[in-house]
Amino acid sequence: MRIVLAVLFTPFLALCAYAQSDVPIVMRTFTVVSQFSLPPWSAHDNIGETSKIFRDQGKSESGNDYFIHEMIPSDESFDAWTRLYAITAETPISGDLQAYANGQVNVYVRHCTNAASHFFPNIPEHAKLFLTFCEGYRDNPDIGEISFFNMQIKNKTLVKNYINVRVPAFELTDSTLPLSDADIQTYVDLVWGLQLIEDQSGG
């Protein structure tokens, strides 16, 4: 499986050093301000028309503050979506960034018939850029998922920008994935646009 994934992603290994994404969404996320790309189905002047949005904020089971902002195409529902684009934040956290990324991967290990991950190399230490592969959901084996994540920690706030793409069930031992190379690059570029900056508002 590792050999297959290495072959599949060889064209994208240098992508992260050169990808430049517009970051037109600016959102305060606790101790930092997050700048991140628009969902791939929206333009800046029609995001309210082309996306359904779910937002929530509260306390996690561990007592941390959390925030979530999810978007799906407007013609889909949160019960049956094909693409879900989101940003989440949690604070205060003190854990290791790799441990949080591994925890995200383990969610797929628990809920998928078979799961794997691919971490991009040569990424700055403050970030983790990775993909997860779910061959099929345990409760719906005909549907799989490929997800793209950018996780960063700044000022004790963990921010996660990601897109989940539901696809027909597949096998990682195959030489192809159920997404085109162009789609893969689009989604990698999308989450690579995340930037965390200091919150200067004093709030």
N, C-alpha and C. Protein backbone atom coordinates (compact mmCIF):
# COMPACT_ATOMS: atom_id res chain seq x y z
N MET A 1 0.83 -1.21 0.00
CA MET A 1 0.00 0.00 0.00
C MET A 1 0.87 1.25 0.00
N ARG A 2 1.94 1.26 0.78
CA ARG A 2 2.81 2.43 0.82
C ARG A 2 3.43 2.69 -0.54
N ILE A 3 3.81 1.61 -1.25
CA ILE A 3 4.40 1.78 -2.57
C ILE A 3 3.40 2.40 -3.52
N VAL A 4 2.16 1.92 -3.46
CA VAL A 4 1.12 2.46 -4.33
C VAL A 4 0.92 3.93 -4.06
N LEU A 5 0.82 4.32 -2.79
CA LEU A 5 0.60 5.72 -2.45
C LEU A 5 1.78 6.58 -2.89
N ALA A 6 2.99 6.07 -2.75
CA ALA A 6 4.16 6.84 -3.18
C ALA A 6 4.12 7.09 -4.67
N VAL A 7 3.74 6.10 -5.44
CA VAL A 7 3.64 6.26 -6.89
C VAL A 7 2.55 7.25 -7.25
N LEU A 8 1.40 7.14 -6.57
CA LEU A 8 0.27 8.01 -6.88
C LEU A 8 0.60 9.47 -6.61
N PHE A 9 1.39 9.75 -5.60
CA PHE A 9 1.57 11.14 -5.18
C PHE A 9 2.92 11.72 -5.54
N THR A 10 3.74 10.99 -6.30
CA THR A 10 5.01 11.55 -6.75
C THR A 10 4.83 12.88 -7.47
N PRO A 11 3.82 13.06 -8.36
CA PRO A 11 3.69 14.36 -9.04
C PRO A 11 3.38 15.52 -8.11
N PHE A 12 2.93 15.24 -6.87
CA PHE A 12 2.48 16.31 -5.99
C PHE A 12 3.48 16.60 -4.86
N LEU A 13 4.59 15.88 -4.81
CA LEU A 13 5.51 16.04 -3.68
C LEU A 13 6.13 17.42 -3.64
N ALA A 14 6.33 18.05 -4.79
CA ALA A 14 6.93 19.38 -4.82
C ALA A 14 5.89 20.48 -4.83
N LEU A 15 4.64 20.10 -4.83
CA LEU A 15 3.56 21.07 -4.99
C LEU A 15 3.55 22.12 -3.90
N CYS A 16 3.79 21.69 -2.67
CA CYS A 16 3.58 22.57 -1.54
C CYS A 16 4.56 23.74 -1.50
N ALA A 17 5.71 23.56 -2.09
CA ALA A 17 6.69 24.64 -2.06
C ALA A 17 6.32 25.77 -3.02
N TYR A 18 5.41 25.49 -3.95
CA TYR A 18 5.14 26.46 -5.00
C TYR A 18 3.69 26.90 -5.07
N ALA A 19 2.79 26.16 -4.43
CA ALA A 19 1.37 26.49 -4.56
C ALA A 19 1.09 27.86 -3.96
N GLN A 20 0.38 28.68 -4.69
CA GLN A 20 -0.04 30.00 -4.21
C GLN A 20 -1.56 30.09 -4.32
N SER A 21 -2.23 30.27 -3.22
CA SER A 21 -3.69 30.31 -3.22
C SER A 21 -4.18 31.66 -2.74
N ASP A 22 -5.25 32.15 -3.34
CA ASP A 22 -5.92 33.32 -2.81
C ASP A 22 -6.52 32.96 -1.46
N VAL A 23 -6.55 33.88 -0.52
CA VAL A 23 -7.11 33.60 0.79
C VAL A 23 -8.14 34.68 1.13
N PRO A 24 -9.28 34.65 0.48
CA PRO A 24 -10.23 35.75 0.62
C PRO A 24 -11.13 35.67 1.85
N ILE A 25 -11.12 34.57 2.60
CA ILE A 25 -11.94 34.49 3.80
C ILE A 25 -11.05 34.77 5.01
N VAL A 26 -11.46 35.70 5.84
CA VAL A 26 -10.73 36.04 7.06
C VAL A 26 -11.69 35.86 8.23
N MET A 27 -11.27 35.08 9.21
CA MET A 27 -12.16 34.74 10.32
C MET A 27 -11.37 34.68 11.62
N ARG A 28 -11.88 35.33 12.64
CA ARG A 28 -11.23 35.24 13.94
C ARG A 28 -11.52 33.88 14.56
N THR A 29 -10.46 33.19 14.96
CA THR A 29 -10.60 31.87 15.57
C THR A 29 -9.83 31.88 16.89
N PHE A 30 -10.51 32.39 17.91
CA PHE A 30 -9.95 32.49 19.25
C PHE A 30 -8.71 33.37 19.28
N THR A 31 -7.53 32.82 19.55
CA THR A 31 -6.33 33.64 19.77
C THR A 31 -5.62 34.02 18.48
N VAL A 32 -6.14 33.58 17.34
CA VAL A 32 -5.52 33.91 16.05
C VAL A 32 -6.60 34.30 15.05
N VAL A 33 -6.17 34.89 13.96
CA VAL A 33 -7.05 35.16 12.83
C VAL A 33 -6.68 34.18 11.72
N SER A 34 -7.66 33.45 11.23
CA SER A 34 -7.43 32.48 10.16
C SER A 34 -7.81 33.08 8.82
N GLN A 35 -6.92 32.93 7.86
CA GLN A 35 -7.20 33.29 6.48
C GLN A 35 -7.18 32.01 5.67
N PHE A 36 -8.23 31.78 4.87
CA PHE A 36 -8.29 30.52 4.14
C PHE A 36 -9.09 30.70 2.86
N SER A 37 -8.94 29.73 1.97
CA SER A 37 -9.50 29.82 0.63
C SER A 37 -11.01 29.60 0.64
N LEU A 38 -11.65 30.12 -0.38
CA LEU A 38 -13.07 29.86 -0.60
C LEU A 38 -13.30 28.40 -0.95
N PRO A 39 -14.51 27.90 -0.71
CA PRO A 39 -14.82 26.55 -1.20
C PRO A 39 -14.71 26.52 -2.72
N PRO A 40 -14.36 25.39 -3.30
CA PRO A 40 -14.07 25.35 -4.73
C PRO A 40 -15.29 25.60 -5.62
N TRP A 41 -16.48 25.53 -5.04
CA TRP A 41 -17.68 25.75 -5.84
C TRP A 41 -18.22 27.18 -5.73
N SER A 42 -17.51 28.06 -5.05
CA SER A 42 -18.01 29.41 -4.79
C SER A 42 -17.03 30.48 -5.26
N ALA A 43 -17.58 31.64 -5.58
CA ALA A 43 -16.80 32.86 -5.75
C ALA A 43 -17.11 33.77 -4.58
N HIS A 44 -16.26 34.78 -4.37
CA HIS A 44 -16.40 35.62 -3.18
C HIS A 44 -17.76 36.32 -3.12
N ASP A 45 -18.30 36.67 -4.30
CA ASP A 45 -19.54 37.43 -4.31
C ASP A 45 -20.80 36.57 -4.34
N ASN A 46 -20.64 35.23 -4.30
CA ASN A 46 -21.85 34.40 -4.31
C ASN A 46 -21.81 33.26 -3.30
N ILE A 47 -20.89 33.34 -2.32
CA ILE A 47 -20.74 32.23 -1.39
C ILE A 47 -22.02 31.95 -0.61
N GLY A 48 -22.78 33.01 -0.30
CA GLY A 48 -24.03 32.81 0.42
C GLY A 48 -25.09 32.12 -0.42
N GLU A 49 -25.01 32.26 -1.73
CA GLU A 49 -25.96 31.63 -2.63
C GLU A 49 -25.55 30.22 -3.02
N THR A 50 -24.26 29.94 -3.05
CA THR A 50 -23.78 28.65 -3.55
C THR A 50 -23.44 27.67 -2.44
N SER A 51 -23.50 28.10 -1.18
CA SER A 51 -23.13 27.22 -0.08
C SER A 51 -24.18 27.23 1.01
N LYS A 52 -24.40 26.04 1.59
CA LYS A 52 -25.11 25.94 2.85
C LYS A 52 -24.07 25.92 3.96
N ILE A 53 -24.36 26.60 5.06
CA ILE A 53 -23.37 26.80 6.12
C ILE A 53 -23.91 26.30 7.45
N PHE A 54 -23.05 25.61 8.18
CA PHE A 54 -23.35 25.20 9.55
C PHE A 54 -22.24 25.73 10.45
N ARG A 55 -22.63 26.38 11.55
CA ARG A 55 -21.66 26.92 12.50
C ARG A 55 -22.05 26.48 13.91
N ASP A 56 -21.04 26.24 14.71
CA ASP A 56 -21.29 25.89 16.10
C ASP A 56 -20.08 26.29 16.93
N GLN A 57 -20.32 26.61 18.19
CA GLN A 57 -19.25 26.99 19.10
C GLN A 57 -19.66 26.58 20.49
N GLY A 58 -18.69 26.09 21.27
CA GLY A 58 -19.01 25.64 22.62
C GLY A 58 -17.79 25.09 23.32
N LYS A 59 -18.04 24.13 24.20
CA LYS A 59 -16.97 23.50 24.97
C LYS A 59 -16.83 22.04 24.54
N SER A 60 -15.59 21.59 24.42
CA SER A 60 -15.34 20.19 24.10
C SER A 60 -15.45 19.36 25.37
N GLU A 61 -15.38 18.03 25.22
CA GLU A 61 -15.45 17.15 26.38
C GLU A 61 -14.30 17.39 27.34
N SER A 62 -13.17 17.85 26.82
CA SER A 62 -12.02 18.13 27.68
C SER A 62 -12.07 19.51 28.30
N GLY A 63 -13.11 20.29 27.99
CA GLY A 63 -13.26 21.61 28.56
C GLY A 63 -12.68 22.74 27.74
N ASN A 64 -12.12 22.42 26.57
CA ASN A 64 -11.57 23.46 25.70
C ASN A 64 -12.69 24.16 24.93
N ASP A 65 -12.43 25.40 24.53
CA ASP A 65 -13.34 26.10 23.64
C ASP A 65 -13.16 25.55 22.22
N TYR A 66 -14.26 25.33 21.51
CA TYR A 66 -14.15 24.87 20.13
C TYR A 66 -15.07 25.69 19.24
N PHE A 67 -14.73 25.69 17.95
CA PHE A 67 -15.50 26.41 16.94
C PHE A 67 -15.46 25.59 15.66
N ILE A 68 -16.58 25.54 14.94
CA ILE A 68 -16.63 24.84 13.66
C ILE A 68 -17.46 25.65 12.67
N HIS A 69 -16.98 25.71 11.44
CA HIS A 69 -17.68 26.40 10.34
C HIS A 69 -17.60 25.47 9.14
N GLU A 70 -18.74 24.90 8.74
CA GLU A 70 -18.80 23.94 7.65
C GLU A 70 -19.59 24.51 6.48
N MET A 71 -19.17 24.15 5.27
CA MET A 71 -19.86 24.57 4.05
C MET A 71 -20.01 23.38 3.11
N ILE A 72 -21.18 23.28 2.47
CA ILE A 72 -21.42 22.28 1.44
C ILE A 72 -22.08 22.99 0.26
N PRO A 73 -22.05 22.41 -0.94
CA PRO A 73 -22.77 23.03 -2.06
C PRO A 73 -24.25 23.21 -1.74
N SER A 74 -24.83 24.30 -2.21
CA SER A 74 -26.20 24.67 -1.83
C SER A 74 -27.24 23.66 -2.29
N ASP A 75 -26.94 22.86 -3.32
CA ASP A 75 -27.91 21.88 -3.79
C ASP A 75 -27.79 20.54 -3.09
N GLU A 76 -26.96 20.48 -2.04
CA GLU A 76 -26.81 19.25 -1.26
C GLU A 76 -27.33 19.48 0.15
N SER A 77 -27.36 18.41 0.95
CA SER A 77 -27.83 18.52 2.33
C SER A 77 -26.74 18.01 3.26
N PHE A 78 -26.81 18.41 4.52
CA PHE A 78 -25.82 17.94 5.48
C PHE A 78 -26.00 16.47 5.83
N ASP A 79 -27.11 15.88 5.41
CA ASP A 79 -27.32 14.44 5.58
C ASP A 79 -26.77 13.64 4.40
N ALA A 80 -26.59 14.31 3.25
CA ALA A 80 -26.14 13.60 2.04
C ALA A 80 -25.34 14.56 1.17
N TRP A 81 -24.08 14.81 1.56
CA TRP A 81 -23.23 15.71 0.81
C TRP A 81 -22.16 14.91 0.06
N THR A 82 -21.60 15.52 -0.98
CA THR A 82 -20.46 14.92 -1.68
C THR A 82 -19.16 15.63 -1.35
N ARG A 83 -19.24 16.93 -1.01
CA ARG A 83 -18.06 17.70 -0.60
C ARG A 83 -18.42 18.57 0.59
N LEU A 84 -17.59 18.49 1.61
CA LEU A 84 -17.79 19.30 2.82
C LEU A 84 -16.48 20.01 3.12
N TYR A 85 -16.53 21.33 3.15
CA TYR A 85 -15.35 22.16 3.37
C TYR A 85 -15.50 22.86 4.70
N ALA A 86 -14.46 22.84 5.53
CA ALA A 86 -14.64 23.34 6.89
C ALA A 86 -13.36 23.93 7.46
N ILE A 87 -13.57 24.73 8.50
CA ILE A 87 -12.49 25.18 9.37
C ILE A 87 -12.95 24.99 10.80
N THR A 88 -12.07 24.45 11.63
CA THR A 88 -12.37 24.28 13.04
C THR A 88 -11.23 24.85 13.86
N ALA A 89 -11.52 25.20 15.09
CA ALA A 89 -10.50 25.71 16.00
C ALA A 89 -10.79 25.21 17.40
N GLU A 90 -9.72 24.99 18.17
CA GLU A 90 -9.86 24.56 19.56
C GLU A 90 -8.75 25.19 20.38
N THR A 91 -9.10 25.66 21.59
CA THR A 91 -8.13 26.32 22.47
C THR A 91 -8.58 26.21 23.92
N PRO A 92 -7.68 26.21 24.90
CA PRO A 92 -6.23 26.18 24.74
C PRO A 92 -5.75 24.73 24.62
N ILE A 93 -4.81 24.48 23.76
CA ILE A 93 -4.28 23.14 23.60
C ILE A 93 -2.78 23.18 23.89
N SER A 94 -2.25 22.04 24.31
CA SER A 94 -0.83 21.98 24.65
C SER A 94 -0.16 20.76 24.04
N GLY A 95 -0.92 19.97 23.27
CA GLY A 95 -0.38 18.74 22.71
C GLY A 95 0.50 18.97 21.50
N ASP A 96 1.09 17.90 21.04
CA ASP A 96 1.97 17.91 19.88
C ASP A 96 1.14 17.89 18.61
N LEU A 97 1.54 18.69 17.61
CA LEU A 97 0.77 18.79 16.37
C LEU A 97 0.69 17.45 15.66
N GLN A 98 1.77 16.69 15.64
CA GLN A 98 1.73 15.38 14.99
C GLN A 98 0.74 14.46 15.68
N ALA A 99 0.65 14.57 17.00
CA ALA A 99 -0.29 13.73 17.74
C ALA A 99 -1.74 14.06 17.36
N TYR A 100 -2.02 15.35 17.18
CA TYR A 100 -3.37 15.74 16.75
C TYR A 100 -3.66 15.23 15.33
N ALA A 101 -2.66 15.30 14.46
CA ALA A 101 -2.84 14.79 13.11
C ALA A 101 -3.05 13.28 13.12
N ASN A 102 -2.28 12.58 13.94
CA ASN A 102 -2.47 11.14 14.05
C ASN A 102 -3.85 10.80 14.59
N GLY A 103 -4.34 11.62 15.51
CA GLY A 103 -5.68 11.40 16.03
C GLY A 103 -6.73 11.54 14.95
N GLN A 104 -6.53 12.49 14.03
CA GLN A 104 -7.45 12.66 12.92
C GLN A 104 -7.43 11.42 12.02
N VAL A 105 -6.24 10.91 11.74
CA VAL A 105 -6.13 9.71 10.92
C VAL A 105 -6.83 8.53 11.59
N ASN A 106 -6.70 8.42 12.90
CA ASN A 106 -7.31 7.30 13.62
C ASN A 106 -8.83 7.32 13.57
N VAL A 107 -9.43 8.50 13.37
CA VAL A 107 -10.88 8.56 13.18
C VAL A 107 -11.28 7.73 11.97
N TYR A 108 -10.50 7.84 10.90
CA TYR A 108 -10.79 7.06 9.69
C TYR A 108 -10.49 5.58 9.89
N VAL A 109 -9.47 5.27 10.65
CA VAL A 109 -9.16 3.88 10.95
C VAL A 109 -10.34 3.22 11.64
N ARG A 110 -10.99 3.96 12.55
CA ARG A 110 -12.12 3.40 13.30
C ARG A 110 -13.38 3.26 12.45
N HIS A 111 -13.58 4.18 11.52
CA HIS A 111 -14.87 4.25 10.83
C HIS A 111 -14.84 3.73 9.40
N CYS A 112 -13.69 3.31 8.92
CA CYS A 112 -13.59 2.85 7.53
C CYS A 112 -13.21 1.38 7.47
N THR A 113 -13.60 0.72 6.39
CA THR A 113 -13.24 -0.69 6.22
C THR A 113 -11.74 -0.85 6.05
N ASN A 114 -11.10 0.12 5.45
CA ASN A 114 -9.64 0.19 5.38
C ASN A 114 -9.27 1.65 5.18
N ALA A 115 -8.23 2.10 5.86
CA ALA A 115 -7.85 3.52 5.81
C ALA A 115 -6.34 3.65 5.74
N ALA A 116 -5.91 4.76 5.15
CA ALA A 116 -4.49 5.06 5.07
C ALA A 116 -4.34 6.58 5.03
N SER A 117 -3.10 7.04 5.14
CA SER A 117 -2.83 8.48 5.12
C SER A 117 -1.57 8.75 4.33
N HIS A 118 -1.45 9.98 3.87
CA HIS A 118 -0.25 10.43 3.17
C HIS A 118 0.09 11.82 3.69
N PHE A 119 1.25 11.96 4.37
CA PHE A 119 1.72 13.25 4.87
C PHE A 119 2.71 13.82 3.86
N PHE A 120 2.51 15.08 3.49
CA PHE A 120 3.42 15.72 2.56
C PHE A 120 4.71 16.08 3.27
N PRO A 121 5.85 15.85 2.62
CA PRO A 121 7.15 16.20 3.24
C PRO A 121 7.47 17.67 3.07
N ASN A 122 8.50 18.10 3.76
CA ASN A 122 9.05 19.46 3.59
C ASN A 122 8.03 20.55 3.88
N ILE A 123 7.19 20.32 4.87
CA ILE A 123 6.20 21.30 5.31
C ILE A 123 6.75 22.01 6.54
N PRO A 124 6.53 23.32 6.70
CA PRO A 124 7.02 24.01 7.91
C PRO A 124 6.56 23.33 9.19
N GLU A 125 7.37 23.42 10.23
CA GLU A 125 7.11 22.69 11.47
C GLU A 125 5.77 23.05 12.10
N HIS A 126 5.27 24.26 11.85
CA HIS A 126 4.04 24.68 12.51
C HIS A 126 2.80 24.11 11.82
N ALA A 127 2.97 23.34 10.73
CA ALA A 127 1.82 22.85 9.97
C ALA A 127 1.98 21.38 9.64
N LYS A 128 0.83 20.72 9.43
CA LYS A 128 0.79 19.36 8.92
C LYS A 128 -0.19 19.35 7.75
N LEU A 129 0.30 18.98 6.56
CA LEU A 129 -0.52 18.87 5.37
C LEU A 129 -0.59 17.40 5.00
N PHE A 130 -1.81 16.84 4.98
CA PHE A 130 -1.92 15.41 4.76
C PHE A 130 -3.27 15.05 4.16
N LEU A 131 -3.33 13.86 3.60
CA LEU A 131 -4.55 13.30 3.04
C LEU A 131 -4.91 12.04 3.79
N THR A 132 -6.19 11.75 3.86
CA THR A 132 -6.65 10.48 4.40
C THR A 132 -7.50 9.77 3.35
N PHE A 133 -7.41 8.46 3.36
CA PHE A 133 -8.11 7.64 2.38
C PHE A 133 -8.99 6.63 3.12
N CYS A 134 -10.26 6.63 2.81
CA CYS A 134 -11.22 5.71 3.40
C CYS A 134 -11.81 4.88 2.26
N GLU A 135 -11.44 3.60 2.19
CA GLU A 135 -11.92 2.76 1.08
C GLU A 135 -13.44 2.66 1.07
N GLY A 136 -14.02 2.59 2.24
CA GLY A 136 -15.47 2.52 2.37
C GLY A 136 -15.84 2.69 3.83
N TYR A 137 -16.97 3.34 4.10
CA TYR A 137 -17.42 3.48 5.49
C TYR A 137 -17.89 2.12 6.02
N ARG A 138 -17.60 1.86 7.26
CA ARG A 138 -18.07 0.60 7.85
C ARG A 138 -19.60 0.50 7.82
N ASP A 139 -20.29 1.63 8.00
CA ASP A 139 -21.75 1.60 8.00
C ASP A 139 -22.35 1.84 6.62
N ASN A 140 -21.48 2.06 5.61
CA ASN A 140 -21.94 2.24 4.24
C ASN A 140 -20.79 1.86 3.30
N PRO A 141 -20.54 0.57 3.12
CA PRO A 141 -19.35 0.10 2.41
C PRO A 141 -19.28 0.51 0.93
N ASP A 142 -20.37 0.97 0.35
CA ASP A 142 -20.36 1.38 -1.05
C ASP A 142 -19.78 2.79 -1.25
N ILE A 143 -19.65 3.54 -0.16
CA ILE A 143 -19.18 4.92 -0.23
C ILE A 143 -17.85 5.05 0.50
N GLY A 144 -16.88 5.67 -0.16
CA GLY A 144 -15.59 5.96 0.46
C GLY A 144 -15.37 7.46 0.58
N GLU A 145 -14.18 7.84 1.01
CA GLU A 145 -13.89 9.26 1.20
C GLU A 145 -12.40 9.52 1.05
N ILE A 146 -12.07 10.63 0.43
CA ILE A 146 -10.71 11.14 0.39
C ILE A 146 -10.74 12.54 0.97
N SER A 147 -9.92 12.81 1.96
CA SER A 147 -9.96 14.08 2.67
C SER A 147 -8.59 14.73 2.68
N PHE A 148 -8.60 16.05 2.66
CA PHE A 148 -7.39 16.87 2.55
C PHE A 148 -7.35 17.80 3.76
N PHE A 149 -6.26 17.78 4.52
CA PHE A 149 -6.18 18.51 5.78
C PHE A 149 -4.95 19.41 5.83
N ASN A 150 -5.14 20.57 6.45
CA ASN A 150 -4.04 21.43 6.87
C ASN A 150 -4.30 21.75 8.33
N MET A 151 -3.43 21.28 9.23
CA MET A 151 -3.57 21.53 10.66
C MET A 151 -2.40 22.37 11.13
N GLN A 152 -2.70 23.40 11.92
CA GLN A 152 -1.66 24.29 12.43
C GLN A 152 -1.97 24.66 13.89
N ILE A 153 -0.92 24.97 14.63
CA ILE A 153 -1.06 25.45 16.01
C ILE A 153 -0.35 26.79 16.13
N LYS A 154 -1.06 27.76 16.71
CA LYS A 154 -0.46 29.07 17.00
C LYS A 154 -1.16 29.64 18.23
N ASN A 155 -0.39 30.17 19.15
CA ASN A 155 -0.94 30.79 20.37
C ASN A 155 -1.89 29.85 21.11
N LYS A 156 -1.50 28.57 21.19
CA LYS A 156 -2.27 27.53 21.89
C LYS A 156 -3.64 27.26 21.25
N THR A 157 -3.80 27.66 20.00
CA THR A 157 -5.02 27.37 19.26
C THR A 157 -4.70 26.43 18.11
N LEU A 158 -5.43 25.32 18.05
CA LEU A 158 -5.32 24.37 16.96
C LEU A 158 -6.37 24.71 15.91
N VAL A 159 -5.93 24.98 14.68
CA VAL A 159 -6.84 25.29 13.59
C VAL A 159 -6.71 24.20 12.53
N LYS A 160 -7.84 23.73 12.05
CA LYS A 160 -7.86 22.67 11.04
C LYS A 160 -8.73 23.12 9.86
N ASN A 161 -8.14 23.18 8.68
CA ASN A 161 -8.84 23.52 7.45
C ASN A 161 -8.85 22.26 6.58
N TYR A 162 -10.02 21.85 6.11
CA TYR A 162 -10.07 20.57 5.40
C TYR A 162 -11.25 20.51 4.45
N ILE A 163 -11.14 19.60 3.48
CA ILE A 163 -12.26 19.27 2.62
C ILE A 163 -12.38 17.74 2.56
N ASN A 164 -13.58 17.26 2.81
CA ASN A 164 -13.91 15.84 2.70
C ASN A 164 -14.65 15.61 1.39
N VAL A 165 -14.19 14.65 0.61
CA VAL A 165 -14.80 14.36 -0.68
C VAL A 165 -15.28 12.92 -0.67
N ARG A 166 -16.58 12.71 -0.77
CA ARG A 166 -17.14 11.37 -0.82
C ARG A 166 -17.06 10.83 -2.24
N VAL A 167 -16.65 9.58 -2.34
CA VAL A 167 -16.43 8.93 -3.64
C VAL A 167 -16.98 7.52 -3.58
N PRO A 168 -17.18 6.86 -4.73
CA PRO A 168 -17.53 5.44 -4.69
C PRO A 168 -16.43 4.64 -3.99
N ALA A 169 -16.80 3.57 -3.32
CA ALA A 169 -15.82 2.73 -2.63
C ALA A 169 -14.71 2.32 -3.59
N PHE A 170 -13.50 2.22 -3.08
CA PHE A 170 -12.34 1.91 -3.91
C PHE A 170 -11.37 1.07 -3.11
N GLU A 171 -10.31 0.59 -3.77
CA GLU A 171 -9.27 -0.18 -3.11
C GLU A 171 -7.94 0.53 -3.27
N LEU A 172 -7.23 0.69 -2.17
CA LEU A 172 -5.95 1.39 -2.21
C LEU A 172 -4.88 0.60 -2.96
N THR A 173 -5.12 -0.68 -3.19
CA THR A 173 -4.16 -1.48 -3.94
C THR A 173 -4.26 -1.24 -5.43
N ASP A 174 -5.32 -0.54 -5.88
CA ASP A 174 -5.43 -0.18 -7.29
C ASP A 174 -4.39 0.88 -7.65
N SER A 175 -4.11 1.01 -8.93
CA SER A 175 -3.11 1.98 -9.37
C SER A 175 -3.70 3.38 -9.59
N THR A 176 -5.01 3.52 -9.45
CA THR A 176 -5.66 4.82 -9.62
C THR A 176 -6.60 5.08 -8.46
N LEU A 177 -6.91 6.35 -8.27
CA LEU A 177 -7.86 6.77 -7.25
C LEU A 177 -9.12 7.31 -7.92
N PRO A 178 -10.25 7.35 -7.21
CA PRO A 178 -11.49 7.85 -7.80
C PRO A 178 -11.57 9.37 -7.84
N LEU A 179 -10.43 10.04 -7.92
CA LEU A 179 -10.35 11.48 -8.15
C LEU A 179 -9.27 11.72 -9.21
N SER A 180 -9.50 12.67 -10.07
CA SER A 180 -8.51 12.97 -11.09
C SER A 180 -7.31 13.69 -10.47
N ASP A 181 -6.18 13.68 -11.19
CA ASP A 181 -5.01 14.42 -10.73
C ASP A 181 -5.34 15.91 -10.57
N ALA A 182 -6.16 16.44 -11.48
CA ALA A 182 -6.52 17.86 -11.41
C ALA A 182 -7.32 18.15 -10.15
N ASP A 183 -8.25 17.27 -9.80
CA ASP A 183 -9.04 17.46 -8.58
C ASP A 183 -8.15 17.38 -7.35
N ILE A 184 -7.26 16.41 -7.33
CA ILE A 184 -6.35 16.27 -6.19
C ILE A 184 -5.54 17.55 -6.00
N GLN A 185 -5.00 18.07 -7.08
CA GLN A 185 -4.20 19.29 -6.97
C GLN A 185 -5.06 20.46 -6.51
N THR A 186 -6.29 20.56 -7.01
CA THR A 186 -7.20 21.62 -6.59
C THR A 186 -7.43 21.58 -5.09
N TYR A 187 -7.68 20.40 -4.55
CA TYR A 187 -7.99 20.28 -3.12
C TYR A 187 -6.75 20.48 -2.25
N VAL A 188 -5.59 20.03 -2.72
CA VAL A 188 -4.35 20.29 -1.97
C VAL A 188 -4.09 21.79 -1.93
N ASP A 189 -4.21 22.45 -3.08
CA ASP A 189 -4.03 23.91 -3.12
C ASP A 189 -5.01 24.61 -2.19
N LEU A 190 -6.22 24.11 -2.17
CA LEU A 190 -7.28 24.73 -1.36
C LEU A 190 -6.88 24.80 0.10
N VAL A 191 -6.53 23.67 0.70
CA VAL A 191 -6.21 23.68 2.13
C VAL A 191 -4.84 24.27 2.40
N TRP A 192 -3.95 24.26 1.40
CA TRP A 192 -2.63 24.85 1.58
C TRP A 192 -2.72 26.35 1.75
N GLY A 193 -3.86 26.96 1.39
CA GLY A 193 -4.01 28.39 1.53
C GLY A 193 -4.18 28.88 2.96
N LEU A 194 -4.36 27.98 3.93
CA LEU A 194 -4.59 28.41 5.32
C LEU A 194 -3.39 29.15 5.87
N GLN A 195 -3.65 30.30 6.46
CA GLN A 195 -2.62 31.07 7.17
C GLN A 195 -3.17 31.53 8.51
N LEU A 196 -2.36 31.45 9.55
CA LEU A 196 -2.74 31.95 10.88
C LEU A 196 -1.90 33.19 11.19
N ILE A 197 -2.58 34.26 11.58
CA ILE A 197 -1.87 35.51 11.90
C ILE A 197 -2.28 35.96 13.30
N GLU A 198 -1.48 36.85 13.86
CA GLU A 198 -1.78 37.36 15.19
C GLU A 198 -3.08 38.13 15.20
N ASP A 199 -3.87 37.96 16.26
CA ASP A 199 -5.10 38.73 16.41
C ASP A 199 -4.74 40.07 17.06
N GLN A 200 -4.86 41.12 16.30
CA GLN A 200 -4.49 42.46 16.76
C GLN A 200 -5.67 43.23 17.36
N SER A 201 -6.83 42.58 17.44
CA SER A 201 -8.03 43.30 17.89
C SER A 201 -8.04 43.52 19.39
N GLY A 202 -7.30 42.66 20.11
CA GLY A 202 -7.27 42.78 21.56
C GLY A 202 -8.49 42.22 22.24
N GLY A 203 -9.38 41.59 21.43
CA GLY A 203 -10.60 41.03 21.99
C GLY A 203 -10.43 39.64 22.51
